[in-house]
Amino acid sequence: MTLLEGRRAIITGAGSGIGRWTATVAAREGARVGVLDVDREGAEATAESIGAAALALTADVRDESQMEAAVAAAEAAFGGLDCVIGCAGIELATQDDRADRLSIEVWRQTLDVNLTGMFLTAKHGIRALLAGGGGSVVLVCSPTGQYGCAPGEDAYSASKAGVYGLVRVLAADYGGENIRVNGVVPGYTRTPMNAHVTPEEHEAILSTVPMRRIGEPEEVAEVIVFLASERASYATGAVWAADGGLTAI
């Protein structure tokens, strides 16, 4: 039996990067997947690449009414949900800054997507899990939410620290109702979010990674799908690293 045989999942940020690979791996492991992204074309492209097991959904994770409607659409199509996976996020690398230079607009936009978006994903996703008797939630975190390893990216770092705290408190809130909540920390990964990195910056980052290479999005997706599965049945409230050892040193 595959890891998610017969399971029903909704995955945000699934139009590209780690989210797209997570949807692909989840479907390979037997799940039907709600492929959700603010980019309609991206969501449809991912769903098309997966086939009949996928449902393309368009929503802005910052908008509660859109998220509620998207979760309801996935529930209706699949007859319920078992897995809720939050991969949607932004990094405004050329606009983020240290606090004394950081604009309130960049701060708010980053937290609205990265933290409020995760909260709304969890809120409406967990309501669906409760209705079905339980399930699993996995939220994508970041090393910047645990350590001050991204000086000058104060908004992004703070937003991801919030996700780290959200994982832990949700695990405490819902552990008695058969809902597990975990986080995954990708390290430096080959995704569109890192397209701005220069060759010099690339080499500097690799020097901090014990494995001395960039991660591939499918490698992170494998960890996410494992945590969403019943193979991880006693794991909750943890943040798992898929970062080549970055946070180990």
Protein backbone atom coordinates (compact mmCIF):
# COMPACT_ATOMS: atom_id res chain seq x y z
CA MET A 1 0.00 0.00 0.00
CA THR A 2 1.27 3.49 -0.84
CA LEU A 3 1.70 6.16 1.84
CA LEU A 4 -1.51 8.09 1.16
CA GLU A 5 -3.68 5.38 -0.37
CA GLY A 6 -7.29 6.57 -0.35
CA ARG A 7 -6.43 9.86 1.36
CA ARG A 8 -7.79 13.25 0.34
CA ALA A 9 -5.51 16.28 0.54
CA ILE A 10 -5.53 20.00 -0.11
CA ILE A 11 -2.18 21.65 -0.77
CA THR A 12 -1.62 25.41 -0.96
CA GLY A 13 1.08 26.97 -3.09
CA ALA A 14 0.83 23.95 -5.37
CA GLY A 15 1.29 25.85 -8.60
CA SER A 16 5.08 25.78 -8.36
CA GLY A 17 8.12 24.82 -6.31
CA ILE A 18 7.78 22.67 -3.22
CA GLY A 19 3.98 22.84 -3.34
CA ARG A 20 3.85 21.49 -6.87
CA TRP A 21 6.18 18.62 -6.02
CA THR A 22 4.22 17.87 -2.86
CA ALA A 23 1.02 17.54 -4.88
CA THR A 24 2.83 15.31 -7.37
CA VAL A 25 4.31 13.04 -4.70
CA ALA A 26 1.03 12.89 -2.75
CA ALA A 27 -0.82 11.77 -5.89
CA ARG A 28 1.88 9.21 -6.64
CA GLU A 29 1.37 7.87 -3.13
CA GLY A 30 -2.35 7.35 -3.71
CA ALA A 31 -4.00 10.62 -2.66
CA ARG A 32 -6.56 12.72 -4.42
CA VAL A 33 -5.24 16.26 -4.25
CA GLY A 34 -6.78 19.71 -4.24
CA VAL A 35 -4.11 21.77 -6.00
CA LEU A 36 -4.55 25.30 -4.67
CA ASP A 37 -2.69 28.40 -5.81
CA VAL A 38 -3.37 32.10 -6.29
CA ASP A 39 -2.01 31.59 -9.81
CA ARG A 40 -4.81 29.87 -11.70
CA GLU A 41 -2.58 28.82 -14.58
CA GLY A 42 -0.05 27.33 -12.18
CA ALA A 43 -2.72 25.35 -10.33
CA GLU A 44 -4.21 24.08 -13.57
CA ALA A 45 -0.79 23.10 -14.94
CA THR A 46 0.01 21.09 -11.82
CA ALA A 47 -3.39 19.41 -11.84
CA GLU A 48 -3.06 18.59 -15.54
CA SER A 49 0.36 17.03 -14.96
CA ILE A 50 -1.10 14.81 -12.22
CA GLY A 51 -4.27 13.79 -14.01
CA ALA A 52 -7.65 12.63 -12.75
CA ALA A 53 -6.56 12.49 -9.09
CA ALA A 54 -6.12 16.28 -8.98
CA LEU A 55 -8.55 19.18 -8.65
CA ALA A 56 -7.31 22.68 -9.54
CA LEU A 57 -8.39 25.36 -7.06
CA THR A 58 -7.71 29.09 -7.12
CA ALA A 59 -7.62 31.16 -3.94
CA ASP A 60 -5.59 33.87 -2.24
CA VAL A 61 -4.52 32.42 1.12
CA ARG A 62 -4.88 35.89 2.68
CA ASP A 63 -8.61 36.00 1.91
CA GLU A 64 -10.74 34.04 4.36
CA SER A 65 -13.80 33.79 2.13
CA GLN A 66 -11.71 32.43 -0.73
CA MET A 67 -9.99 29.90 1.50
CA GLU A 68 -13.27 28.75 3.02
CA ALA A 69 -14.73 28.28 -0.45
CA ALA A 70 -11.67 26.40 -1.73
CA VAL A 71 -11.66 23.98 1.19
CA ALA A 72 -15.39 23.44 0.77
CA ALA A 73 -14.89 22.71 -2.93
CA ALA A 74 -12.24 20.09 -2.16
CA GLU A 75 -14.45 18.53 0.51
CA ALA A 76 -17.38 18.33 -1.88
CA ALA A 77 -15.29 16.85 -4.69
CA PHE A 78 -13.55 14.26 -2.54
CA GLY A 79 -16.22 13.58 0.09
CA GLY A 80 -14.05 15.02 2.87
CA LEU A 81 -10.40 15.73 3.65
CA ASP A 82 -7.67 13.82 5.50
CA CYS A 83 -4.58 15.97 4.89
CA VAL A 84 -4.03 19.73 4.89
CA ILE A 85 -0.66 20.96 3.63
CA GLY A 86 0.41 24.60 3.62
CA CYS A 87 3.21 25.43 1.18
CA ALA A 88 2.14 28.91 0.01
CA GLY A 89 4.59 31.66 0.85
CA ILE A 90 6.46 34.70 -0.44
CA GLU A 91 9.91 36.15 0.11
CA LEU A 92 10.21 39.77 -1.03
CA ALA A 93 13.98 39.51 -1.11
CA THR A 94 14.69 42.82 -2.86
CA GLN A 95 12.28 44.75 -0.62
CA ASP A 96 12.68 43.08 2.78
CA ASP A 97 15.19 44.76 5.07
CA ARG A 98 16.32 45.27 8.64
CA ALA A 99 13.72 46.90 10.88
CA ASP A 100 14.82 50.55 10.68
CA ARG A 101 14.60 50.48 6.88
CA LEU A 102 11.68 48.08 6.43
CA SER A 103 8.47 49.50 5.01
CA ILE A 104 5.23 48.67 6.77
CA GLU A 105 3.74 47.63 3.40
CA VAL A 106 6.39 44.94 2.87
CA TRP A 107 6.00 43.81 6.49
CA ARG A 108 2.24 43.49 6.17
CA GLN A 109 2.29 41.78 2.78
CA THR A 110 4.82 39.21 3.97
CA LEU A 111 3.00 38.40 7.19
CA ASP A 112 -0.38 38.38 5.47
CA VAL A 113 0.72 35.63 3.07
CA ASN A 114 3.17 33.67 5.18
CA LEU A 115 1.48 33.72 8.57
CA THR A 116 -2.16 34.76 8.16
CA GLY A 117 -2.31 32.55 5.07
CA MET A 118 -1.07 29.56 7.07
CA PHE A 119 -3.55 30.34 9.83
CA LEU A 120 -6.48 30.44 7.39
CA THR A 121 -5.28 27.25 5.71
CA ALA A 122 -5.18 25.58 9.12
CA LYS A 123 -8.45 27.08 10.34
CA HIS A 124 -10.61 25.91 7.47
CA GLY A 125 -8.62 22.78 6.78
CA ILE A 126 -8.88 21.64 10.40
CA ARG A 127 -12.63 22.24 10.37
CA ALA A 128 -12.80 19.75 7.50
CA LEU A 129 -10.58 17.27 9.37
CA LEU A 130 -12.74 17.54 12.50
CA ALA A 131 -15.83 16.81 10.43
CA GLY A 132 -14.18 13.63 9.17
CA GLY A 133 -12.84 12.41 12.48
CA GLY A 134 -9.22 13.55 12.22
CA GLY A 135 -6.24 13.76 9.91
CA SER A 136 -2.93 15.52 9.51
CA VAL A 137 -1.65 19.04 8.91
CA VAL A 138 1.82 19.91 7.61
CA LEU A 139 3.01 23.52 7.31
CA VAL A 140 6.20 24.64 5.59
CA CYS A 141 8.50 26.60 7.88
CA SER A 142 12.01 28.01 7.37
CA PRO A 143 15.39 28.08 9.14
CA THR A 144 14.87 31.85 9.38
CA GLY A 145 11.99 31.23 11.78
CA GLN A 146 14.28 29.39 14.20
CA TYR A 147 17.56 31.28 13.93
CA GLY A 148 18.69 34.78 12.98
CA CYS A 149 20.30 33.38 9.86
CA ALA A 150 18.82 35.89 7.38
CA PRO A 151 19.89 39.35 8.58
CA GLY A 152 18.13 41.99 6.54
CA GLU A 153 15.07 39.83 5.92
CA ASP A 154 13.19 40.79 9.05
CA ALA A 155 9.65 40.45 7.68
CA TYR A 156 10.26 37.01 6.21
CA SER A 157 12.07 35.76 9.31
CA ALA A 158 9.33 37.00 11.64
CA SER A 159 6.58 35.49 9.49
CA LYS A 160 8.24 32.08 9.52
CA ALA A 161 8.85 32.24 13.27
CA GLY A 162 5.09 32.68 13.55
CA VAL A 163 4.49 29.53 11.51
CA TYR A 164 6.84 27.63 13.83
CA GLY A 165 4.76 28.73 16.83
CA LEU A 166 1.51 27.95 15.01
CA VAL A 167 2.61 24.36 14.40
CA ARG A 168 3.27 23.79 18.08
CA VAL A 169 0.12 25.36 19.46
CA LEU A 170 -2.11 23.62 16.90
CA ALA A 171 -0.55 20.29 17.86
CA ALA A 172 -1.43 21.01 21.48
CA ASP A 173 -4.94 22.16 20.58
CA TYR A 174 -5.94 19.19 18.43
CA GLY A 175 -3.84 16.24 19.57
CA GLY A 176 -6.77 14.86 21.54
CA GLU A 177 -9.04 14.99 18.49
CA ASN A 178 -6.97 12.74 16.23
CA ILE A 179 -5.32 15.58 14.35
CA ARG A 180 -1.54 15.72 14.04
CA VAL A 181 0.26 18.97 13.13
CA ASN A 182 3.89 19.12 12.03
CA GLY A 183 6.18 21.50 10.21
CA VAL A 184 8.90 20.96 7.63
CA VAL A 185 11.95 23.21 7.29
CA PRO A 186 13.35 23.26 3.76
CA GLY A 187 16.87 24.57 3.54
CA TYR A 188 18.32 26.21 0.46
CA THR A 189 16.14 24.64 -2.23
CA ARG A 190 15.95 24.96 -6.01
CA THR A 191 12.65 26.83 -6.31
CA PRO A 192 11.43 30.04 -7.98
CA MET A 193 11.72 31.75 -4.57
CA ASN A 194 15.51 31.45 -4.83
CA ALA A 195 15.78 32.57 -8.45
CA HIS A 196 17.22 35.93 -7.33
CA VAL A 197 20.33 34.33 -5.78
CA THR A 198 23.53 35.32 -7.60
CA PRO A 199 26.33 32.81 -8.33
CA GLU A 200 28.43 34.38 -5.59
CA GLU A 201 25.57 34.19 -3.09
CA HIS A 202 24.91 30.60 -4.16
CA GLU A 203 28.46 29.55 -3.28
CA ALA A 204 28.33 31.42 0.02
CA ILE A 205 25.10 29.66 1.00
CA LEU A 206 26.45 26.24 0.03
CA SER A 207 29.41 26.80 2.33
CA THR A 208 26.95 26.77 5.27
CA VAL A 209 25.27 23.49 4.18
CA PRO A 210 27.03 20.32 5.41
CA MET A 211 25.92 18.38 2.34
CA ARG A 212 27.41 21.14 0.15
CA ARG A 213 24.60 21.13 -2.40
CA ILE A 214 21.27 22.76 -3.02
CA GLY A 215 18.17 20.74 -2.18
CA GLU A 216 15.63 19.71 -4.78
CA PRO A 217 11.93 20.44 -4.15
CA GLU A 218 11.01 16.79 -4.53
CA GLU A 219 13.32 15.93 -1.63
CA VAL A 220 11.37 18.25 0.65
CA ALA A 221 8.08 16.96 -0.73
CA GLU A 222 8.95 13.40 0.25
CA VAL A 223 9.32 14.47 3.90
CA ILE A 224 6.05 16.42 3.81
CA VAL A 225 4.13 13.45 2.40
CA PHE A 226 5.64 11.08 4.96
CA LEU A 227 4.48 13.36 7.79
CA ALA A 228 1.02 13.59 6.26
CA SER A 229 0.78 9.81 6.20
CA GLU A 230 -0.10 7.36 8.95
CA ARG A 231 3.50 6.14 8.89
CA ALA A 232 4.09 9.20 11.09
CA SER A 233 1.17 8.36 13.37
CA TYR A 234 2.90 9.35 16.63
CA ALA A 235 4.57 12.49 15.30
CA THR A 236 2.99 15.82 16.16
CA GLY A 237 4.15 19.25 17.24
CA ALA A 238 7.55 18.75 15.60
CA VAL A 239 9.39 20.71 12.95
CA TRP A 240 11.35 18.38 10.69
CA ALA A 241 14.38 19.57 8.74
CA ALA A 242 14.93 18.71 5.09
CA ASP A 243 17.84 21.09 4.71
CA GLY A 244 21.05 19.20 4.01
CA GLY A 245 22.13 19.75 7.60
CA LEU A 246 21.87 23.56 7.53
CA THR A 247 20.18 23.83 10.92
CA ALA A 248 22.36 21.15 12.51
CA ILE A 249 25.33 23.48 12.87
